[in-house]
Amino acid sequence: MGATVAVVPSDGRILAPCDATVSSIYDTGHAVCLTTETGGELLIHIGIDTVRMEGKGFTKKVSDGDQVKAGDVLVEADLDAIREAGYDTATMMILTNADDYDSAKKAGPGQVDASSVVMKIKKA
């Protein structure tokens, strides 16, 4: 699908990784698509197979077309509800148009916080 990083969130606030436009937020709230200022297309998917929760445990904080800044809350996810439903809370960020970029450098394993850089993308 493209360059991917995964984070296991410590709280349920899923934050914008950069300044971007919300190109789509799924009705269920389990995934958000962002378009960066340089045209990067990011898919943020909260948990694994959480689409099966049909929106339970996800509160959308943005709408299609919204402009967001790095650190803005996109979705509030009830991590306990996700785990109790039997799903993994690992949250993936996928650069879906990675072929449009010369490089996508990903951070190595380790602890991250809201100010951590987990991926840098570069266009020619």
PDB file of N, CA and C in Angstrom:
ATOM      1  N   MET A   1       0.810  -1.203   0.000  1.00  0.00           N
ATOM      2  CA  MET A   1       0.000   0.000   0.000  1.00  0.00           C
ATOM      3  C   MET A   1       0.845   1.256   0.000  1.00  0.00           C
ATOM      4  N   GLY A   2       2.020   1.207   0.589  1.00  0.00           N
ATOM      5  CA  GLY A   2       2.867   2.382   0.667  1.00  0.00           C
ATOM      6  C   GLY A   2       3.678   2.366   1.943  1.00  0.00           C
ATOM      7  N   ALA A   3       4.508   3.370   2.117  1.00  0.00           N
ATOM      8  CA  ALA A   3       5.322   3.477   3.319  1.00  0.00           C
ATOM      9  C   ALA A   3       4.394   3.565   4.530  1.00  0.00           C
ATOM     10  N   THR A   4       4.680   2.748   5.542  1.00  0.00           N
ATOM     11  CA  THR A   4       3.781   2.635   6.688  1.00  0.00           C
ATOM     12  C   THR A   4       4.552   2.703   7.994  1.00  0.00           C
ATOM     13  N   VAL A   5       3.970   3.401   8.960  1.00  0.00           N
ATOM     14  CA  VAL A   5       4.449   3.355  10.340  1.00  0.00           C
ATOM     15  C   VAL A   5       3.258   2.975  11.211  1.00  0.00           C
ATOM     16  N   ALA A   6       3.546   2.309  12.303  1.00  0.00           N
ATOM     17  CA  ALA A   6       2.478   1.920  13.232  1.00  0.00           C
ATOM     18  C   ALA A   6       2.849   2.370  14.627  1.00  0.00           C
ATOM     19  N   VAL A   7       1.838   2.797  15.367  1.00  0.00           N
ATOM     20  CA  VAL A   7       2.012   3.267  16.746  1.00  0.00           C
ATOM     21  C   VAL A   7       0.929   2.619  17.586  1.00  0.00           C
ATOM     22  N   VAL A   8       1.292   2.180  18.768  1.00  0.00           N
ATOM     23  CA  VAL A   8       0.294   1.711  19.727  1.00  0.00           C
ATOM     24  C   VAL A   8      -0.019   2.903  20.621  1.00  0.00           C
ATOM     25  N   PRO A   9      -1.209   3.491  20.479  1.00  0.00           N
ATOM     26  CA  PRO A   9      -1.516   4.714  21.234  1.00  0.00           C
ATOM     27  C   PRO A   9      -1.631   4.460  22.731  1.00  0.00           C
ATOM     28  N   SER A  10      -1.175   5.437  23.504  1.00  0.00           N
ATOM     29  CA  SER A  10      -1.266   5.330  24.968  1.00  0.00           C
ATOM     30  C   SER A  10      -2.563   5.928  25.486  1.00  0.00           C
ATOM     31  N   ASP A  11      -3.159   6.797  24.677  1.00  0.00           N
ATOM     32  CA  ASP A  11      -4.495   7.300  25.004  1.00  0.00           C
ATOM     33  C   ASP A  11      -5.288   7.310  23.707  1.00  0.00           C
ATOM     34  N   GLY A  12      -6.528   7.603  23.755  1.00  0.00           N
ATOM     35  CA  GLY A  12      -7.386   7.483  22.590  1.00  0.00           C
ATOM     36  C   GLY A  12      -7.427   8.686  21.674  1.00  0.00           C
ATOM     37  N   ARG A  13      -6.623   9.702  21.956  1.00  0.00           N
ATOM     38  CA  ARG A  13      -6.626  10.882  21.083  1.00  0.00           C
ATOM     39  C   ARG A  13      -5.725  10.616  19.879  1.00  0.00           C
ATOM     40  N   ILE A  14      -6.328  10.523  18.712  1.00  0.00           N
ATOM     41  CA  ILE A  14      -5.572  10.306  17.483  1.00  0.00           C
ATOM     42  C   ILE A  14      -5.352  11.684  16.863  1.00  0.00           C
ATOM     43  N   LEU A  15      -4.082  12.060  16.744  1.00  0.00           N
ATOM     44  CA  LEU A  15      -3.716  13.421  16.362  1.00  0.00           C
ATOM     45  C   LEU A  15      -3.251  13.506  14.912  1.00  0.00           C
ATOM     46  N   ALA A  16      -3.465  14.672  14.316  1.00  0.00           N
ATOM     47  CA  ALA A  16      -2.940  14.934  12.976  1.00  0.00           C
ATOM     48  C   ALA A  16      -1.416  14.945  13.051  1.00  0.00           C
ATOM     49  N   PRO A  17      -0.754  14.204  12.166  1.00  0.00           N
ATOM     50  CA  PRO A  17       0.712  14.162  12.197  1.00  0.00           C
ATOM     51  C   PRO A  17       1.360  15.386  11.564  1.00  0.00           C
ATOM     52  N   CYS A  18       0.566  16.188  10.829  1.00  0.00           N
ATOM     53  CA  CYS A  18       1.100  17.350  10.117  1.00  0.00           C
ATOM     54  C   CYS A  18      -0.068  18.250   9.728  1.00  0.00           C
ATOM     55  N   ASP A  19       0.255  19.410   9.204  1.00  0.00           N
ATOM     56  CA  ASP A  19      -0.784  20.273   8.645  1.00  0.00           C
ATOM     57  C   ASP A  19      -1.324  19.589   7.391  1.00  0.00           C
ATOM     58  N   ALA A  20      -2.647  19.553   7.252  1.00  0.00           N
ATOM     59  CA  ALA A  20      -3.236  18.816   6.133  1.00  0.00           C
ATOM     60  C   ALA A  20      -4.709  19.170   5.982  1.00  0.00           C
ATOM     61  N   THR A  21      -5.303  18.632   4.933  1.00  0.00           N
ATOM     62  CA  THR A  21      -6.736  18.720   4.701  1.00  0.00           C
ATOM     63  C   THR A  21      -7.321  17.323   4.911  1.00  0.00           C
ATOM     64  N   VAL A  22      -8.446  17.253   5.606  1.00  0.00           N
ATOM     65  CA  VAL A  22      -9.134  15.974   5.776  1.00  0.00           C
ATOM     66  C   VAL A  22      -9.826  15.677   4.448  1.00  0.00           C
ATOM     67  N   SER A  23      -9.286  14.719   3.714  1.00  0.00           N
ATOM     68  CA  SER A  23      -9.896  14.375   2.426  1.00  0.00           C
ATOM     69  C   SER A  23     -11.073  13.434   2.619  1.00  0.00           C
ATOM     70  N   SER A  24     -11.037  12.643   3.696  1.00  0.00           N
ATOM     71  CA  SER A  24     -12.151  11.747   3.991  1.00  0.00           C
ATOM     72  C   SER A  24     -12.018  11.205   5.406  1.00  0.00           C
ATOM     73  N   ILE A  25     -13.132  11.158   6.102  1.00  0.00           N
ATOM     74  CA  ILE A  25     -13.164  10.448   7.374  1.00  0.00           C
ATOM     75  C   ILE A  25     -14.289   9.432   7.259  1.00  0.00           C
ATOM     76  N   TYR A  26     -13.969   8.209   7.555  1.00  0.00           N
ATOM     77  CA  TYR A  26     -14.947   7.137   7.417  1.00  0.00           C
ATOM     78  C   TYR A  26     -16.120   7.367   8.363  1.00  0.00           C
ATOM     79  N   ASP A  27     -17.311   6.975   7.921  1.00  0.00           N
ATOM     80  CA  ASP A  27     -18.510   7.124   8.754  1.00  0.00           C
ATOM     81  C   ASP A  27     -18.319   6.477  10.123  1.00  0.00           C
ATOM     82  N   THR A  28     -17.592   5.372  10.151  1.00  0.00           N
ATOM     83  CA  THR A  28     -17.364   4.634  11.399  1.00  0.00           C
ATOM     84  C   THR A  28     -16.347   5.312  12.302  1.00  0.00           C
ATOM     85  N   GLY A  29     -15.571   6.255  11.773  1.00  0.00           N
ATOM     86  CA  GLY A  29     -14.571   6.962  12.566  1.00  0.00           C
ATOM     87  C   GLY A  29     -13.293   6.184  12.790  1.00  0.00           C
ATOM     88  N   HIS A  30     -13.186   4.979  12.258  1.00  0.00           N
ATOM     89  CA  HIS A  30     -11.997   4.151  12.509  1.00  0.00           C
ATOM     90  C   HIS A  30     -10.822   4.513  11.594  1.00  0.00           C
ATOM     91  N   ALA A  31     -11.046   5.369  10.603  1.00  0.00           N
ATOM     92  CA  ALA A  31      -9.984   5.735   9.675  1.00  0.00           C
ATOM     93  C   ALA A  31     -10.208   7.137   9.136  1.00  0.00           C
ATOM     94  N   VAL A  32      -9.090   7.802   8.847  1.00  0.00           N
ATOM     95  CA  VAL A  32      -9.108   9.171   8.335  1.00  0.00           C
ATOM     96  C   VAL A  32      -8.092   9.258   7.201  1.00  0.00           C
ATOM     97  N   CYS A  33      -8.457   9.935   6.131  1.00  0.00           N
ATOM     98  CA  CYS A  33      -7.533  10.200   5.031  1.00  0.00           C
ATOM     99  C   CYS A  33      -7.197  11.695   5.039  1.00  0.00           C
ATOM    100  N   LEU A  34      -5.911  11.986   4.964  1.00  0.00           N
ATOM    101  CA  LEU A  34      -5.425  13.366   4.959  1.00  0.00           C
ATOM    102  C   LEU A  34      -4.625  13.614   3.690  1.00  0.00           C
ATOM    103  N   THR A  35      -4.638  14.850   3.218  1.00  0.00           N
ATOM    104  CA  THR A  35      -3.767  15.267   2.135  1.00  0.00           C
ATOM    105  C   THR A  35      -2.865  16.357   2.688  1.00  0.00           C
ATOM    106  N   THR A  36      -1.550  16.121   2.632  1.00  0.00           N
ATOM    107  CA  THR A  36      -0.589  17.072   3.173  1.00  0.00           C
ATOM    108  C   THR A  36      -0.439  18.263   2.243  1.00  0.00           C
ATOM    109  N   GLU A  37       0.241  19.276   2.715  1.00  0.00           N
ATOM    110  CA  GLU A  37       0.458  20.481   1.910  1.00  0.00           C
ATOM    111  C   GLU A  37       1.285  20.201   0.663  1.00  0.00           C
ATOM    112  N   THR A  38       2.093  19.121   0.675  1.00  0.00           N
ATOM    113  CA  THR A  38       2.901  18.765  -0.498  1.00  0.00           C
ATOM    114  C   THR A  38       2.235  17.686  -1.342  1.00  0.00           C
ATOM    115  N   GLY A  39       0.984  17.340  -1.037  1.00  0.00           N
ATOM    116  CA  GLY A  39       0.250  16.360  -1.834  1.00  0.00           C
ATOM    117  C   GLY A  39       0.336  14.931  -1.344  1.00  0.00           C
ATOM    118  N   GLY A  40       0.999  14.729  -0.205  1.00  0.00           N
ATOM    119  CA  GLY A  40       1.056  13.382   0.360  1.00  0.00           C
ATOM    120  C   GLY A  40      -0.335  12.929   0.785  1.00  0.00           C
ATOM    121  N   GLU A  41      -0.666  11.702   0.454  1.00  0.00           N
ATOM    122  CA  GLU A  41      -1.962  11.139   0.816  1.00  0.00           C
ATOM    123  C   GLU A  41      -1.751  10.131   1.935  1.00  0.00           C
ATOM    124  N   LEU A  42      -2.248  10.474   3.117  1.00  0.00           N
ATOM    125  CA  LEU A  42      -2.060   9.646   4.305  1.00  0.00           C
ATOM    126  C   LEU A  42      -3.367   8.988   4.705  1.00  0.00           C
ATOM    127  N   LEU A  43      -3.290   7.702   4.983  1.00  0.00           N
ATOM    128  CA  LEU A  43      -4.407   6.967   5.555  1.00  0.00           C
ATOM    129  C   LEU A  43      -4.019   6.626   6.983  1.00  0.00           C
ATOM    130  N   ILE A  44      -4.814   7.094   7.940  1.00  0.00           N
ATOM    131  CA  ILE A  44      -4.591   6.757   9.343  1.00  0.00           C
ATOM    132  C   ILE A  44      -5.695   5.791   9.732  1.00  0.00           C
ATOM    133  N   HIS A  45      -5.285   4.571  10.055  1.00  0.00           N
ATOM    134  CA  HIS A  45      -6.240   3.505  10.378  1.00  0.00           C
ATOM    135  C   HIS A  45      -6.058   3.132  11.847  1.00  0.00           C
ATOM    136  N   ILE A  46      -7.115   3.327  12.634  1.00  0.00           N
ATOM    137  CA  ILE A  46      -7.051   3.124  14.084  1.00  0.00           C
ATOM    138  C   ILE A  46      -7.412   1.682  14.408  1.00  0.00           C
ATOM    139  N   GLY A  47      -6.433   0.923  14.864  1.00  0.00           N
ATOM    140  CA  GLY A  47      -6.652  -0.471  15.219  1.00  0.00           C
ATOM    141  C   GLY A  47      -6.671  -1.377  14.001  1.00  0.00           C
ATOM    142  N   ILE A  48      -6.712  -2.675  14.278  1.00  0.00           N
ATOM    143  CA  ILE A  48      -6.712  -3.678  13.223  1.00  0.00           C
ATOM    144  C   ILE A  48      -8.089  -4.344  13.193  1.00  0.00           C
ATOM    145  N   ASP A  49      -8.704  -4.325  12.019  1.00  0.00           N
ATOM    146  CA  ASP A  49     -10.048  -4.883  11.805  1.00  0.00           C
ATOM    147  C   ASP A  49     -11.142  -4.145  12.574  1.00  0.00           C
ATOM    148  N   THR A  50     -10.862  -2.931  13.011  1.00  0.00           N
ATOM    149  CA  THR A  50     -11.834  -2.185  13.821  1.00  0.00           C
ATOM    150  C   THR A  50     -13.030  -1.688  13.024  1.00  0.00           C
ATOM    151  N   VAL A  51     -12.985  -1.790  11.697  1.00  0.00           N
ATOM    152  CA  VAL A  51     -14.162  -1.465  10.902  1.00  0.00           C
ATOM    153  C   VAL A  51     -15.333  -2.335  11.348  1.00  0.00           C
ATOM    154  N   ARG A  52     -15.028  -3.511  11.850  1.00  0.00           N
ATOM    155  CA  ARG A  52     -16.070  -4.436  12.318  1.00  0.00           C
ATOM    156  C   ARG A  52     -16.805  -3.927  13.561  1.00  0.00           C
ATOM    157  N   MET A  53     -16.248  -2.913  14.215  1.00  0.00           N
ATOM    158  CA  MET A  53     -16.916  -2.335  15.387  1.00  0.00           C
ATOM    159  C   MET A  53     -18.055  -1.410  14.977  1.00  0.00           C
ATOM    160  N   GLU A  54     -18.163  -1.122  13.693  1.00  0.00           N
ATOM    161  CA  GLU A  54     -19.244  -0.320  13.134  1.00  0.00           C
ATOM    162  C   GLU A  54     -19.418   1.037  13.809  1.00  0.00           C
ATOM    163  N   GLY A  55     -18.279   1.650  14.169  1.00  0.00           N
ATOM    164  CA  GLY A  55     -18.303   2.990  14.743  1.00  0.00           C
ATOM    165  C   GLY A  55     -18.362   3.040  16.264  1.00  0.00           C
ATOM    166  N   LYS A  56     -18.649   1.923  16.904  1.00  0.00           N
ATOM    167  CA  LYS A  56     -18.706   1.921  18.377  1.00  0.00           C
ATOM    168  C   LYS A  56     -17.301   2.160  18.932  1.00  0.00           C
ATOM    169  N   GLY A  57     -17.177   3.136  19.804  1.00  0.00           N
ATOM    170  CA  GLY A  57     -15.886   3.438  20.412  1.00  0.00           C
ATOM    171  C   GLY A  57     -15.090   4.514  19.692  1.00  0.00           C
ATOM    172  N   PHE A  58     -15.635   5.083  18.624  1.00  0.00           N
ATOM    173  CA  PHE A  58     -14.929   6.116  17.867  1.00  0.00           C
ATOM    174  C   PHE A  58     -15.774   7.384  17.807  1.00  0.00           C
ATOM    175  N   THR A  59     -15.155   8.515  18.182  1.00  0.00           N
ATOM    176  CA  THR A  59     -15.834   9.807  18.112  1.00  0.00           C
ATOM    177  C   THR A  59     -15.046  10.693  17.158  1.00  0.00           C
ATOM    178  N   LYS A  60     -15.657  11.024  16.025  1.00  0.00           N
ATOM    179  CA  LYS A  60     -14.997  11.865  15.029  1.00  0.00           C
ATOM    180  C   LYS A  60     -14.941  13.305  15.535  1.00  0.00           C
ATOM    181  N   LYS A  61     -13.800  13.936  15.380  1.00  0.00           N
ATOM    182  CA  LYS A  61     -13.605  15.327  15.784  1.00  0.00           C
ATOM    183  C   LYS A  61     -13.389  16.245  14.587  1.00  0.00           C
ATOM    184  N   VAL A  62     -13.348  15.671  13.386  1.00  0.00           N
ATOM    185  CA  VAL A  62     -13.177  16.449  12.159  1.00  0.00           C
ATOM    186  C   VAL A  62     -14.171  15.950  11.121  1.00  0.00           C
ATOM    187  N   SER A  63     -14.304  16.721  10.055  1.00  0.00           N
ATOM    188  CA  SER A  63     -15.188  16.374   8.946  1.00  0.00           C
ATOM    189  C   SER A  63     -14.416  16.484   7.635  1.00  0.00           C
ATOM    190  N   ASP A  64     -14.951  15.877   6.590  1.00  0.00           N
ATOM    191  CA  ASP A  64     -14.351  15.994   5.264  1.00  0.00           C
ATOM    192  C   ASP A  64     -14.159  17.475   4.929  1.00  0.00           C
ATOM    193  N   GLY A  65     -12.980  17.801   4.395  1.00  0.00           N
ATOM    194  CA  GLY A  65     -12.695  19.168   3.967  1.00  0.00           C
ATOM    195  C   GLY A  65     -12.076  20.051   5.035  1.00  0.00           C
ATOM    196  N   ASP A  66     -12.090  19.616   6.284  1.00  0.00           N
ATOM    197  CA  ASP A  66     -11.497  20.423   7.352  1.00  0.00           C
ATOM    198  C   ASP A  66      -9.997  20.586   7.148  1.00  0.00           C
ATOM    199  N   GLN A  67      -9.492  21.761   7.500  1.00  0.00           N
ATOM    200  CA  GLN A  67      -8.057  22.018   7.542  1.00  0.00           C
ATOM    201  C   GLN A  67      -7.600  21.715   8.969  1.00  0.00           C
ATOM    202  N   VAL A  68      -6.534  20.918   9.120  1.00  0.00           N
ATOM    203  CA  VAL A  68      -6.022  20.592  10.443  1.00  0.00           C
ATOM    204  C   VAL A  68      -4.559  20.978  10.534  1.00  0.00           C
ATOM    205  N   LYS A  69      -4.135  21.234  11.739  1.00  0.00           N
ATOM    206  CA  LYS A  69      -2.739  21.528  12.040  1.00  0.00           C
ATOM    207  C   LYS A  69      -2.152  20.328  12.773  1.00  0.00           C
ATOM    208  N   ALA A  70      -0.854  20.152  12.695  1.00  0.00           N
ATOM    209  CA  ALA A  70      -0.190  19.077  13.416  1.00  0.00           C
ATOM    210  C   ALA A  70      -0.592  19.133  14.883  1.00  0.00           C
ATOM    211  N   GLY A  71      -1.027  18.006  15.412  1.00  0.00           N
ATOM    212  CA  GLY A  71      -1.416  17.925  16.819  1.00  0.00           C
ATOM    213  C   GLY A  71      -2.907  18.071  17.059  1.00  0.00           C
ATOM    214  N   ASP A  72      -3.681  18.497  16.049  1.00  0.00           N
ATOM    215  CA  ASP A  72      -5.132  18.580  16.221  1.00  0.00           C
ATOM    216  C   ASP A  72      -5.707  17.173  16.401  1.00  0.00           C
ATOM    217  N   VAL A  73      -6.729  17.065  17.226  1.00  0.00           N
ATOM    218  CA  VAL A  73      -7.385  15.772  17.442  1.00  0.00           C
ATOM    219  C   VAL A  73      -8.278  15.456  16.249  1.00  0.00           C
ATOM    220  N   LEU A  74      -8.058  14.289  15.646  1.00  0.00           N
ATOM    221  CA  LEU A  74      -8.858  13.824  14.524  1.00  0.00           C
ATOM    222  C   LEU A  74     -10.018  12.950  14.992  1.00  0.00           C
ATOM    223  N   VAL A  75      -9.695  12.035  15.896  1.00  0.00           N
ATOM    224  CA  VAL A  75     -10.660  11.059  16.406  1.00  0.00           C
ATOM    225  C   VAL A  75     -10.313  10.780  17.858  1.00  0.00           C
ATOM    226  N   GLU A  76     -11.342  10.569  18.663  1.00  0.00           N
ATOM    227  CA  GLU A  76     -11.132  10.037  20.009  1.00  0.00           C
ATOM    228  C   GLU A  76     -11.606   8.599  19.972  1.00  0.00           C
ATOM    229  N   ALA A  77     -10.692   7.688  20.281  1.00  0.00           N
ATOM    230  CA  ALA A  77     -10.981   6.261  20.237  1.00  0.00           C
ATOM    231  C   ALA A  77     -10.984   5.714  21.659  1.00  0.00           C
ATOM    232  N   ASP A  78     -11.961   4.912  21.969  1.00  0.00           N
ATOM    233  CA  ASP A  78     -12.037   4.251  23.274  1.00  0.00           C
ATOM    234  C   ASP A  78     -11.185   2.990  23.196  1.00  0.00           C
ATOM    235  N   LEU A  79      -9.928   3.105  23.611  1.00  0.00           N
ATOM    236  CA  LEU A  79      -8.985   1.994  23.488  1.00  0.00           C
ATOM    237  C   LEU A  79      -9.433   0.775  24.277  1.00  0.00           C
ATOM    238  N   ASP A  80     -10.051   0.992  25.447  1.00  0.00           N
ATOM    239  CA  ASP A  80     -10.555  -0.139  26.233  1.00  0.00           C
ATOM    240  C   ASP A  80     -11.647  -0.876  25.464  1.00  0.00           C
ATOM    241  N   ALA A  81     -12.535  -0.136  24.830  1.00  0.00           N
ATOM    242  CA  ALA A  81     -13.616  -0.762  24.058  1.00  0.00           C
ATOM    243  C   ALA A  81     -13.048  -1.558  22.879  1.00  0.00           C
ATOM    244  N   ILE A  82     -12.005  -1.026  22.251  1.00  0.00           N
ATOM    245  CA  ILE A  82     -11.371  -1.736  21.136  1.00  0.00           C
ATOM    246  C   ILE A  82     -10.782  -3.053  21.626  1.00  0.00           C
ATOM    247  N   ARG A  83     -10.036  -2.982  22.730  1.00  0.00           N
ATOM    248  CA  ARG A  83      -9.425  -4.203  23.280  1.00  0.00           C
ATOM    249  C   ARG A  83     -10.494  -5.194  23.748  1.00  0.00           C
ATOM    250  N   GLU A  84     -11.545  -4.685  24.426  1.00  0.00           N
ATOM    251  CA  GLU A  84     -12.614  -5.564  24.915  1.00  0.00           C
ATOM    252  C   GLU A  84     -13.350  -6.249  23.767  1.00  0.00           C
ATOM    253  N   ALA A  85     -13.396  -5.595  22.596  1.00  0.00           N
ATOM    254  CA  ALA A  85     -14.024  -6.195  21.417  1.00  0.00           C
ATOM    255  C   ALA A  85     -13.098  -7.213  20.741  1.00  0.00           C
ATOM    256  N   GLY A  86     -11.870  -7.324  21.260  1.00  0.00           N
ATOM    257  CA  GLY A  86     -10.929  -8.320  20.745  1.00  0.00           C
ATOM    258  C   GLY A  86     -10.012  -7.827  19.640  1.00  0.00           C
ATOM    259  N   TYR A  87      -9.882  -6.513  19.500  1.00  0.00           N
ATOM    260  CA  TYR A  87      -9.058  -5.965  18.425  1.00  0.00           C
ATOM    261  C   TYR A  87      -7.794  -5.323  18.973  1.00  0.00           C
ATOM    262  N   ASP A  88      -6.777  -5.301  18.133  1.00  0.00           N
ATOM    263  CA  ASP A  88      -5.497  -4.671  18.438  1.00  0.00           C
ATOM    264  C   ASP A  88      -5.649  -3.167  18.233  1.00  0.00           C
ATOM    265  N   THR A  89      -5.051  -2.362  19.101  1.00  0.00           N
ATOM    266  CA  THR A  89      -5.161  -0.901  18.994  1.00  0.00           C
ATOM    267  C   THR A  89      -4.065  -0.273  18.125  1.00  0.00           C
ATOM    268  N   ALA A  90      -3.151  -1.078  17.595  1.00  0.00           N
ATOM    269  CA  ALA A  90      -2.084  -0.524  16.753  1.00  0.00           C
ATOM    270  C   ALA A  90      -2.703   0.352  15.664  1.00  0.00           C
ATOM    271  N   THR A  91      -2.177   1.555  15.542  1.00  0.00           N
ATOM    272  CA  THR A  91      -2.705   2.542  14.596  1.00  0.00           C
ATOM    273  C   THR A  91      -1.658   2.791  13.522  1.00  0.00           C
ATOM    274  N   MET A  92      -2.063   2.599  12.278  1.00  0.00           N
ATOM    275  CA  MET A  92      -1.144   2.718  11.165  1.00  0.00           C
ATOM    276  C   MET A  92      -1.328   4.028  10.422  1.00  0.00           C
ATOM    277  N   MET A  93      -0.222   4.583   9.962  1.00  0.00           N
ATOM    278  CA  MET A  93      -0.241   5.727   9.067  1.00  0.00           C
ATOM    279  C   MET A  93       0.461   5.279   7.794  1.00  0.00           C
ATOM    280  N   ILE A  94      -0.276   5.323   6.691  1.00  0.00           N
ATOM    281  CA  ILE A  94       0.218   4.801   5.421  1.00  0.00           C
ATOM    282  C   ILE A  94       0.271   5.944   4.407  1.00  0.00           C
ATOM    283  N   LEU A  95       1.412   6.123   3.777  1.00  0.00           N
ATOM    284  CA  LEU A  95       1.553   7.071   2.674  1.00  0.00           C
ATOM    285  C   LEU A  95       1.095   6.327   1.424  1.00  0.00           C
ATOM    286  N   THR A  96      -0.147   6.524   1.022  1.00  0.00           N
ATOM    287  CA  THR A  96      -0.729   5.713  -0.043  1.00  0.00           C
ATOM    288  C   THR A  96      -0.225   6.082  -1.435  1.00  0.00           C
ATOM    289  N   ASN A  97       0.341   7.252  -1.594  1.00  0.00           N
ATOM    290  CA  ASN A  97       0.909   7.634  -2.888  1.00  0.00           C
ATOM    291  C   ASN A  97       2.434   7.746  -2.804  1.00  0.00           C
ATOM    292  N   ALA A  98       3.043   6.783  -2.156  1.00  0.00           N
ATOM    293  CA  ALA A  98       4.501   6.779  -1.945  1.00  0.00           C
ATOM    294  C   ALA A  98       5.269   6.827  -3.262  1.00  0.00           C
ATOM    295  N   ASP A  99       4.692   6.307  -4.347  1.00  0.00           N
ATOM    296  CA  ASP A  99       5.376   6.329  -5.640  1.00  0.00           C
ATOM    297  C   ASP A  99       5.591   7.747  -6.162  1.00  0.00           C
ATOM    298  N   ASP A 100       4.851   8.710  -5.635  1.00  0.00           N
ATOM    299  CA  ASP A 100       5.005  10.105  -6.043  1.00  0.00           C
ATOM    300  C   ASP A 100       6.160  10.805  -5.323  1.00  0.00           C
ATOM    301  N   TYR A 101       6.821  10.095  -4.420  1.00  0.00           N
ATOM    302  CA  TYR A 101       7.871  10.685  -3.601  1.00  0.00           C
ATOM    303  C   TYR A 101       9.189   9.959  -3.828  1.00  0.00           C
ATOM    304  N   ASP A 102      10.289  10.727  -3.712  1.00  0.00           N
ATOM    305  CA  ASP A 102      11.616  10.137  -3.859  1.00  0.00           C
ATOM    306  C   ASP A 102      11.994   9.317  -2.646  1.00  0.00           C
ATOM    307  N   SER A 103      11.523   9.753  -1.482  1.00  0.00           N
ATOM    308  CA  SER A 103      11.848   8.995  -0.272  1.00  0.00           C
ATOM    309  C   SER A 103      10.785   9.202   0.788  1.00  0.00           C
ATOM    310  N   ALA A 104      10.662   8.184   1.603  1.00  0.00           N
ATOM    311  CA  ALA A 104       9.806   8.239   2.785  1.00  0.00           C
ATOM    312  C   ALA A 104      10.601   7.579   3.897  1.00  0.00           C
ATOM    313  N   LYS A 105      11.252   8.410   4.697  1.00  0.00           N
ATOM    314  CA  LYS A 105      12.089   7.893   5.782  1.00  0.00           C
ATOM    315  C   LYS A 105      11.245   7.741   7.033  1.00  0.00           C
ATOM    316  N   LYS A 106      11.257   6.534   7.580  1.00  0.00           N
ATOM    317  CA  LYS A 106      10.447   6.222   8.754  1.00  0.00           C
ATOM    318  C   LYS A 106      11.325   6.156   9.993  1.00  0.00           C
ATOM    319  N   ALA A 107      10.766   6.574  11.116  1.00  0.00           N
ATOM    320  CA  ALA A 107      11.470   6.478  12.392  1.00  0.00           C
ATOM    321  C   ALA A 107      11.622   5.013  12.759  1.00  0.00           C
ATOM    322  N   GLY A 108      12.663   4.711  13.493  1.00  0.00           N
ATOM    323  CA  GLY A 108      12.864   3.349  13.976  1.00  0.00           C
ATOM    324  C   GLY A 108      11.971   3.063  15.166  1.00  0.00           C
ATOM    325  N   PRO A 109      11.999   1.831  15.627  1.00  0.00           N
ATOM    326  CA  PRO A 109      11.180   1.456  16.791  1.00  0.00           C
ATOM    327  C   PRO A 109      11.538   2.302  18.013  1.00  0.00           C
ATOM    328  N   GLY A 110      10.561   2.565  18.830  1.00  0.00           N
ATOM    329  CA  GLY A 110      10.793   3.325  20.051  1.00  0.00           C
ATOM    330  C   GLY A 110       9.552   4.064  20.472  1.00  0.00           C
ATOM    331  N   GLN A 111       9.644   4.690  21.611  1.00  0.00           N
ATOM    332  CA  GLN A 111       8.524   5.444  22.143  1.00  0.00           C
ATOM    333  C   GLN A 111       8.399   6.773  21.408  1.00  0.00           C
ATOM    334  N   VAL A 112       7.161   7.165  21.129  1.00  0.00           N
ATOM    335  CA  VAL A 112       6.901   8.450  20.484  1.00  0.00           C
ATOM    336  C   VAL A 112       5.889   9.230  21.300  1.00  0.00           C
ATOM    337  N   ASP A 113       5.862  10.542  21.068  1.00  0.00           N
ATOM    338  CA  ASP A 113       4.833  11.385  21.677  1.00  0.00           C
ATOM    339  C   ASP A 113       4.295  12.304  20.588  1.00  0.00           C
ATOM    340  N   ALA A 114       3.446  13.214  20.961  1.00  0.00           N
ATOM    341  CA  ALA A 114       2.769  14.070  19.984  1.00  0.00           C
ATOM    342  C   ALA A 114       3.734  14.908  19.151  1.00  0.00           C
ATOM    343  N   SER A 115       4.932  15.158  19.644  1.00  0.00           N
ATOM    344  CA  SER A 115       5.877  15.985  18.892  1.00  0.00           C
ATOM    345  C   SER A 115       6.891  15.159  18.097  1.00  0.00           C
ATOM    346  N   SER A 116       6.814  13.844  18.166  1.00  0.00           N
ATOM    347  CA  SER A 116       7.761  12.979  17.464  1.00  0.00           C
ATOM    348  C   SER A 116       7.515  12.987  15.954  1.00  0.00           C
ATOM    349  N   VAL A 117       8.601  12.950  15.201  1.00  0.00           N
ATOM    350  CA  VAL A 117       8.523  12.810  13.752  1.00  0.00           C
ATOM    351  C   VAL A 117       8.636  11.317  13.459  1.00  0.00           C
ATOM    352  N   VAL A 118       7.592  10.742  12.849  1.00  0.00           N
ATOM    353  CA  VAL A 118       7.604   9.304  12.570  1.00  0.00           C
ATOM    354  C   VAL A 118       7.845   8.999  11.096  1.00  0.00           C
ATOM    355  N   MET A 119       7.678  10.005  10.230  1.00  0.00           N
ATOM    356  CA  MET A 119       7.950   9.817   8.814  1.00  0.00           C
ATOM    357  C   MET A 119       8.264  11.168   8.175  1.00  0.00           C
ATOM    358  N   LYS A 120       9.266  11.173   7.316  1.00  0.00           N
ATOM    359  CA  LYS A 120       9.597  12.358   6.522  1.00  0.00           C
ATOM    360  C   LYS A 120       9.514  11.957   5.069  1.00  0.00           C
ATOM    361  N   ILE A 121       8.748  12.728   4.305  1.00  0.00           N
ATOM    362  CA  ILE A 121       8.617  12.428   2.887  1.00  0.00           C
ATOM    363  C   ILE A 121       9.285  13.532   2.077  1.00  0.00           C
ATOM    364  N   LYS A 122       9.891  13.132   0.940  1.00  0.00           N
ATOM    365  CA  LYS A 122      10.624  14.103   0.118  1.00  0.00           C
ATOM    366  C   LYS A 122      10.270  13.882  -1.338  1.00  0.00           C
ATOM    367  N   LYS A 123       9.897  14.990  -1.973  1.00  0.00           N
ATOM    368  CA  LYS A 123       9.628  14.996  -3.406  1.00  0.00           C
ATOM    369  C   LYS A 123      10.799  15.618  -4.124  1.00  0.00           C
ATOM    370  N   ALA A 124      11.025  15.198  -5.369  1.00  0.00           N
ATOM    371  CA  ALA A 124      12.134  15.764  -6.155  1.00  0.00           C
ATOM    372  C   ALA A 124      11.908  17.224  -6.445  1.00  0.00           C
TER     373      ALA A 124
END
